[in-house]
Protein backbone atom coordinates (compact mmCIF):
# COMPACT_ATOMS: atom_id res chain seq x y z
CA MET A 1 5.56 -30.83 27.03
CA ILE A 2 6.25 -27.18 27.17
CA ARG A 3 5.69 -25.69 30.41
CA PHE A 4 3.89 -22.44 30.20
CA ALA A 5 3.22 -19.41 32.75
CA LEU A 6 0.65 -16.87 31.55
CA ILE A 7 1.04 -13.34 32.98
CA GLY A 8 -2.30 -11.37 32.78
CA ALA A 9 -5.74 -12.63 33.59
CA GLY A 10 -7.82 -9.87 31.82
CA PHE A 11 -9.98 -10.47 28.80
CA ILE A 12 -7.24 -11.35 26.57
CA GLY A 13 -5.65 -13.48 29.11
CA THR A 14 -8.86 -15.43 29.21
CA VAL A 15 -8.57 -16.27 25.67
CA HIS A 16 -4.85 -17.45 25.90
CA ALA A 17 -5.60 -19.40 28.82
CA ALA A 18 -8.24 -21.39 27.09
CA ASN A 19 -5.82 -22.02 24.18
CA LEU A 20 -2.89 -22.83 26.37
CA ALA A 21 -5.09 -25.42 28.16
CA ALA A 22 -6.32 -27.00 25.02
CA HIS A 23 -2.93 -27.30 23.22
CA PRO A 24 -1.29 -30.99 23.18
CA GLY A 25 2.05 -29.64 23.49
CA VAL A 26 1.45 -27.44 26.49
CA GLU A 27 1.50 -28.06 30.05
CA PHE A 28 -0.33 -25.24 31.24
CA ARG A 29 1.24 -24.22 34.90
CA LEU A 30 0.91 -21.09 36.39
CA VAL A 31 -1.00 -17.77 36.02
CA TYR A 32 -0.01 -14.56 37.47
CA ASP A 33 -2.07 -11.25 37.63
CA VAL A 34 -1.68 -8.28 39.90
CA ASP A 35 -5.34 -9.20 40.93
CA GLN A 36 -5.02 -12.43 42.76
CA ARG A 37 -8.60 -13.32 42.52
CA ARG A 38 -8.88 -12.88 39.07
CA ALA A 39 -5.90 -15.14 38.55
CA GLN A 40 -7.34 -17.77 40.87
CA THR A 41 -10.50 -17.72 38.97
CA LEU A 42 -8.74 -18.27 35.67
CA ALA A 43 -6.16 -20.86 37.08
CA ALA A 44 -9.02 -22.71 38.42
CA ALA A 45 -11.05 -23.02 35.10
CA HIS A 46 -8.09 -24.40 33.48
CA GLY A 47 -6.46 -26.84 35.88
CA ALA A 48 -3.27 -24.57 36.22
CA ALA A 49 -1.67 -23.00 39.58
CA VAL A 50 -1.51 -19.39 40.80
CA ALA A 51 1.65 -17.73 41.02
CA GLY A 52 1.77 -15.62 44.17
CA VAL A 53 4.93 -13.64 43.06
CA LEU A 54 6.48 -13.05 39.62
CA GLU A 55 9.53 -14.97 40.71
CA GLU A 56 7.53 -18.13 40.22
CA VAL A 57 7.02 -17.14 36.79
CA PHE A 58 10.55 -16.47 36.00
CA ASP A 59 11.77 -19.75 37.36
CA PRO A 60 13.33 -21.73 34.69
CA SER A 61 13.18 -24.95 36.72
CA LEU A 62 9.73 -24.87 36.57
CA ILE A 63 8.68 -22.90 33.41
CA ASP A 64 9.71 -23.10 29.62
CA ALA A 65 7.92 -20.21 28.15
CA VAL A 66 5.95 -17.08 29.18
CA PHE A 67 2.81 -15.82 27.75
CA ILE A 68 2.90 -11.81 28.43
CA ALA A 69 -0.80 -10.71 28.21
CA SER A 70 -0.56 -8.07 30.98
CA SER A 71 -0.81 -4.40 30.56
CA THR A 72 1.13 -2.74 27.97
CA ASP A 73 3.32 -1.00 30.17
CA THR A 74 4.76 -4.36 31.70
CA HIS A 75 5.69 -5.88 28.37
CA ALA A 76 9.24 -4.59 28.10
CA GLY A 77 9.93 -5.69 31.79
CA HIS A 78 8.53 -8.78 31.53
CA LEU A 79 10.55 -9.71 28.43
CA GLN A 80 13.63 -8.53 29.91
CA ARG A 81 13.24 -10.69 32.75
CA ALA A 82 12.34 -13.58 30.94
CA ALA A 83 15.34 -13.28 28.62
CA ALA A 84 17.78 -12.85 31.38
CA VAL A 85 16.87 -16.18 32.60
CA GLY A 86 16.59 -18.19 29.49
CA ILE A 87 12.73 -18.26 29.20
CA ALA A 88 10.99 -18.27 25.73
CA ALA A 89 8.16 -15.58 25.45
CA LEU A 90 5.16 -15.02 23.31
CA CYS A 91 4.16 -11.23 23.88
CA GLU A 92 1.08 -9.28 23.08
CA LYS A 93 1.92 -6.35 20.96
CA PRO A 94 3.54 -3.70 21.46
CA ILE A 95 6.88 -4.46 23.17
CA ASP A 96 6.43 -1.13 24.59
CA LEU A 97 4.68 2.15 23.62
CA ASP A 98 7.75 4.20 23.83
CA LEU A 99 9.86 3.32 20.53
CA ASP A 100 13.35 3.60 21.96
CA ARG A 101 12.49 1.48 25.10
CA ALA A 102 11.12 -1.22 22.78
CA ARG A 103 14.33 -1.12 20.80
CA GLU A 104 16.46 -1.32 23.83
CA THR A 105 14.45 -4.27 25.00
CA ALA A 106 14.54 -6.13 21.82
CA THR A 107 18.25 -5.61 21.68
CA PHE A 108 18.88 -6.96 25.25
CA VAL A 109 16.71 -9.95 24.50
CA GLN A 110 18.21 -10.65 21.11
CA GLU A 111 21.73 -10.87 22.84
CA CYS A 112 20.44 -13.25 25.25
CA GLY A 113 19.34 -15.65 22.39
CA VAL A 114 16.12 -16.43 23.62
CA PRO A 115 13.11 -17.26 21.26
CA VAL A 116 10.48 -14.32 21.19
CA MET A 117 7.35 -13.92 19.06
CA VAL A 118 5.08 -10.89 18.86
CA ASP A 119 1.47 -11.92 18.79
CA PHE A 120 0.60 -10.12 15.59
CA ASN A 121 -2.12 -12.82 15.50
CA ARG A 122 -3.78 -11.64 12.00
CA ARG A 123 -0.86 -13.40 10.34
CA PHE A 124 -2.43 -16.57 11.29
CA ASP A 125 -6.06 -15.81 9.67
CA ARG A 126 -6.75 -18.79 7.28
CA ASP A 127 -7.80 -16.42 4.51
CA TYR A 128 -4.87 -13.98 4.80
CA ALA A 129 -2.31 -16.73 4.85
CA GLU A 130 -3.80 -18.24 1.58
CA LEU A 131 -3.78 -14.59 0.27
CA LYS A 132 -0.08 -14.53 0.87
CA ARG A 133 0.59 -17.96 -0.43
CA VAL A 134 -0.90 -16.52 -3.73
CA VAL A 135 1.20 -13.49 -3.67
CA ASP A 136 4.37 -15.13 -2.77
CA SER A 137 3.80 -17.52 -5.55
CA GLY A 138 3.78 -14.94 -8.17
CA GLY A 139 0.14 -15.76 -8.98
CA ILE A 140 -0.85 -12.04 -9.41
CA GLY A 141 2.58 -10.80 -10.58
CA THR A 142 4.35 -7.86 -9.09
CA VAL A 143 2.45 -6.28 -6.16
CA GLU A 144 1.52 -2.94 -7.31
CA LEU A 145 -1.39 -1.67 -4.68
CA ILE A 146 -2.56 -3.12 -1.51
CA GLN A 147 -5.92 -2.11 0.14
CA LEU A 148 -6.44 -2.95 3.91
CA THR A 149 -9.61 -2.23 5.90
CA SER A 150 -10.15 -2.29 9.46
CA ARG A 151 -13.38 -0.83 10.81
CA GLY A 152 -15.43 -0.92 13.95
CA PRO A 153 -17.54 -2.01 15.36
CA SER A 154 -17.81 0.41 18.26
CA MET A 155 -15.99 2.99 19.90
CA PRO A 156 -13.81 1.94 23.03
CA PRO A 157 -14.08 4.08 26.22
CA LEU A 158 -12.14 7.13 26.24
CA SER A 159 -10.40 5.75 29.25
CA TYR A 160 -8.87 3.08 26.97
CA VAL A 161 -7.92 5.61 24.28
CA ALA A 162 -6.19 7.56 26.93
CA VAL A 163 -3.61 4.77 27.30
CA SER A 164 -3.67 3.02 23.93
CA GLY A 165 -1.23 5.10 22.13
CA GLY A 166 -3.72 6.13 19.77
CA GLN A 167 -5.35 4.32 16.61
CA MET A 168 -1.93 4.31 14.43
CA ARG A 169 -0.35 2.40 17.52
CA ASP A 170 -3.21 0.41 18.65
CA GLN A 171 -5.50 -0.47 15.94
CA THR A 172 -3.59 0.20 12.58
CA VAL A 173 -0.31 -1.17 13.66
CA HIS A 174 -2.01 -4.69 12.86
CA PHE A 175 -2.20 -3.52 9.15
CA PHE A 176 1.25 -2.00 8.93
CA ASP A 177 2.57 -5.39 9.83
CA LEU A 178 0.25 -7.05 7.48
CA ALA A 179 1.41 -5.04 4.66
CA ARG A 180 5.05 -5.84 5.32
CA TRP A 181 4.29 -9.42 5.71
CA LEU A 182 2.34 -9.69 2.43
CA SER A 183 4.62 -7.34 0.30
CA ASN A 184 8.01 -8.65 1.53
CA VAL A 185 9.37 -5.23 1.70
CA ASP A 186 9.64 -2.31 4.28
CA PRO A 187 7.46 0.53 3.38
CA VAL A 188 9.60 3.92 3.04
CA GLU A 189 7.13 6.58 3.41
CA VAL A 190 3.65 7.16 5.03
CA PHE A 191 1.15 9.73 4.83
CA ALA A 192 -1.72 9.68 7.39
CA THR A 193 -5.09 11.79 7.74
CA GLY A 194 -7.70 11.52 10.24
CA SER A 195 -10.73 13.08 12.04
CA ALA A 196 -12.93 12.49 15.39
CA LEU A 197 -15.95 11.84 14.08
CA ALA A 198 -17.42 9.05 16.00
CA GLU A 199 -16.34 10.61 19.32
CA PRO A 200 -15.33 13.98 19.40
CA GLY A 201 -13.59 13.69 22.64
CA VAL A 202 -11.11 11.37 21.07
CA ALA A 203 -9.52 14.68 19.75
CA ASP A 204 -8.87 15.73 23.44
CA HIS A 205 -6.21 12.82 23.53
CA ASP A 206 -4.52 13.83 20.20
CA ASP A 207 -6.12 11.03 18.41
CA VAL A 208 -8.56 10.27 15.70
CA ASP A 209 -10.93 7.49 15.17
CA THR A 210 -11.31 7.87 11.57
CA SER A 211 -8.29 7.54 9.42
CA ALA A 212 -6.94 6.92 5.91
CA VAL A 213 -3.25 5.94 5.61
CA THR A 214 -0.94 5.49 2.42
CA LEU A 215 2.31 3.76 2.40
CA ARG A 216 5.02 4.09 -0.23
CA LEU A 217 6.86 0.89 -0.55
CA PRO A 218 10.23 0.74 -2.41
CA GLY A 219 9.93 0.90 -6.16
CA GLY A 220 6.58 2.89 -5.93
CA ALA A 221 3.92 0.41 -5.10
CA LEU A 222 1.39 1.75 -2.61
CA VAL A 223 -0.58 0.49 0.38
CA GLN A 224 -3.81 1.96 1.35
CA ILE A 225 -5.64 1.27 4.87
CA ASP A 226 -8.47 2.79 5.99
CA SER A 227 -9.14 2.35 9.83
CA VAL A 228 -12.41 3.30 11.85
CA ARG A 229 -13.20 2.77 15.32
CA ARG A 230 -17.12 2.63 14.84
CA THR A 231 -19.38 1.57 11.80
CA GLY A 232 -22.76 0.86 13.14
CA TYR A 233 -22.96 -2.25 11.09
CA GLY A 234 -20.57 -4.75 12.52
CA TYR A 235 -16.83 -5.54 12.31
CA ASP A 236 -15.56 -5.07 8.65
CA GLU A 237 -12.04 -6.47 7.95
CA ARG A 238 -10.74 -7.10 4.47
CA ILE A 239 -7.67 -7.02 2.10
CA GLU A 240 -7.14 -6.83 -1.73
CA VAL A 241 -3.76 -7.10 -3.23
CA MET A 242 -3.35 -5.93 -6.96
CA GLY A 243 -0.57 -7.16 -9.09
CA SER A 244 0.49 -6.42 -12.46
CA GLU A 245 -0.95 -9.73 -13.50
CA GLY A 246 -4.20 -10.02 -11.39
CA MET A 247 -5.63 -9.43 -7.99
CA VAL A 248 -6.43 -11.48 -5.18
CA GLU A 249 -8.67 -10.52 -2.09
CA ALA A 250 -9.58 -11.91 1.35
CA ARG A 251 -13.31 -10.63 1.71
CA ARG A 252 -15.25 -9.53 4.71
CA HIS A 253 -16.40 -12.25 6.85
CA ARG A 254 -20.15 -12.64 7.43
CA ASN A 255 -21.74 -14.34 10.52
CA GLY A 256 -23.62 -16.82 8.31
CA ALA A 257 -24.24 -17.67 4.74
CA VAL A 258 -27.82 -17.66 4.68
CA SER A 259 -29.68 -15.39 2.01
CA ARG A 260 -33.38 -14.52 2.33
CA TYR A 261 -35.33 -13.72 -0.73
CA SER A 262 -38.39 -12.05 -0.77
CA GLY A 263 -40.12 -10.06 -3.61
CA THR A 264 -37.43 -8.01 -4.81
CA SER A 265 -35.25 -7.84 -1.87
CA VAL A 266 -32.65 -10.23 -0.78
CA VAL A 267 -31.52 -10.18 2.90
CA ASP A 268 -28.17 -11.74 3.89
CA ASP A 269 -26.65 -12.52 7.31
CA GLY A 270 -24.65 -9.59 8.41
CA LEU A 271 -20.92 -8.95 9.77
CA HIS A 272 -19.58 -10.34 13.22
CA PRO A 273 -20.75 -8.13 16.01
CA GLY A 274 -17.07 -7.46 17.31
CA TRP A 275 -13.34 -7.74 16.14
CA PHE A 276 -13.21 -10.72 18.51
CA GLU A 277 -15.55 -13.06 16.97
CA ARG A 278 -13.72 -12.19 13.47
CA VAL A 279 -10.22 -12.96 14.88
CA GLN A 280 -10.96 -15.63 17.45
CA PRO A 281 -9.53 -18.54 15.74
CA THR A 282 -6.06 -16.98 14.85
CA TYR A 283 -5.01 -16.54 18.71
CA ALA A 284 -4.80 -20.54 18.82
CA SER A 285 -3.08 -20.60 15.50
CA ALA A 286 -0.40 -18.11 16.50
CA LEU A 287 0.06 -20.17 19.90
CA SER A 288 0.36 -23.50 17.94
CA ALA A 289 2.95 -21.61 15.59
CA PHE A 290 5.29 -20.69 18.65
CA VAL A 291 5.05 -23.87 20.18
CA SER A 292 5.96 -25.73 16.91
CA ALA A 293 8.88 -23.21 16.50
CA LEU A 294 10.04 -23.99 20.03
CA GLU A 295 9.85 -27.85 19.58
CA SER A 296 11.44 -27.63 16.10
CA GLY A 297 14.26 -25.15 17.14
CA VAL A 298 13.56 -22.52 14.52
CA ALA A 299 13.24 -18.77 15.20
CA PRO A 300 9.41 -17.77 15.72
CA ALA A 301 7.71 -15.22 13.66
CA PRO A 302 6.49 -12.62 13.87
CA SER A 303 9.80 -11.49 15.56
CA LEU A 304 10.62 -8.68 17.68
CA GLU A 305 12.25 -6.98 14.68
CA ASP A 306 8.77 -7.33 12.89
CA GLY A 307 7.10 -5.92 15.87
CA LEU A 308 9.78 -3.02 16.05
CA LYS A 309 9.26 -2.17 12.48
CA ALA A 310 5.36 -2.16 12.56
CA GLN A 311 5.75 0.30 15.51
CA ALA A 312 8.27 2.50 13.46
CA ILE A 313 5.65 2.78 10.66
CA ALA A 314 3.02 3.74 13.30
CA GLU A 315 5.41 6.26 14.82
CA ALA A 316 5.90 7.92 11.30
CA ALA A 317 2.07 7.71 10.75
CA VAL A 318 1.36 9.64 13.97
CA LEU A 319 4.04 12.26 12.93
CA SER A 320 2.15 12.55 9.63
CA LEU A 321 -1.34 12.96 11.00
CA ARG A 322 0.48 16.28 12.87
CA SER A 323 2.53 17.59 10.27
CA GLY A 324 0.16 16.90 7.32
CA ARG A 325 3.08 15.60 5.32
CA MET A 326 4.52 12.36 3.83
CA GLU A 327 6.95 11.35 6.60
CA PRO A 328 10.03 8.96 5.98
CA VAL A 329 9.87 5.75 8.11
CA LYS A 330 12.95 5.50 10.28
CA TYR A 331 13.90 1.92 10.93
């Protein structure tokens, strides 16, 4: 049994707490949050104890692994602290919004030799895993074009936008990671364009809510990603990979499979109301992959390097939004 502590008892922390408590290979020991009442509520719901101070979380005599689900500005510090005492870590993205600090943190953690995984959970989506299997098997030949869609369903509060790092770093970064994962290569250039259409106030934060990004891969293959904060019709996410000998796609998910026929009309079930309903199973799958890596002694993935590379693409995309030019990705 791997003894886990959870840092962060907000919305995503509650998701991770439930998965930690349900995993047969995990002993869910401690919950820490700056809001002690929130930590107490979450710990009580899952039979864990509350860590009064962070020192308890980073005590290797008590804890083997820590799940970092706290605010973004704390990730780097918690990762460094875990690595310094030999505690493995599963960390929400990003390592840090500042790419230089993220790189410094990754270097320190790697020098400590501690297993760390970045929670790019969409890699663990059942359909995306099958899509990658087909691509890796050569079933569609050489990859020539990848199209990814990330839409909606509703605008987050402007207070969230202000601290999120912007659409490229917060939303589209998941799909930068998927593009690398699916193609097995690192994009070399990026062009991004966008507008503030759903919420004009987004522009006051030097951000967009509707964007289109093109990545150029080594050899000339292309990736297209459209990202939208608000759809008005539910959460819409899908991927298509076209190769020299065929195409494979992971279609949008509906919240049911019932079609209603009446006269000349057919009414189908709609899309999931939100992103969480669509991707919820992937969080448990990501945790299972991390636990399995620790048990078998293999390096967990997505790695810190994967996190840094997705973030480097996001930084180039932000630069392209501002410059209006194709920008090189500086890994």
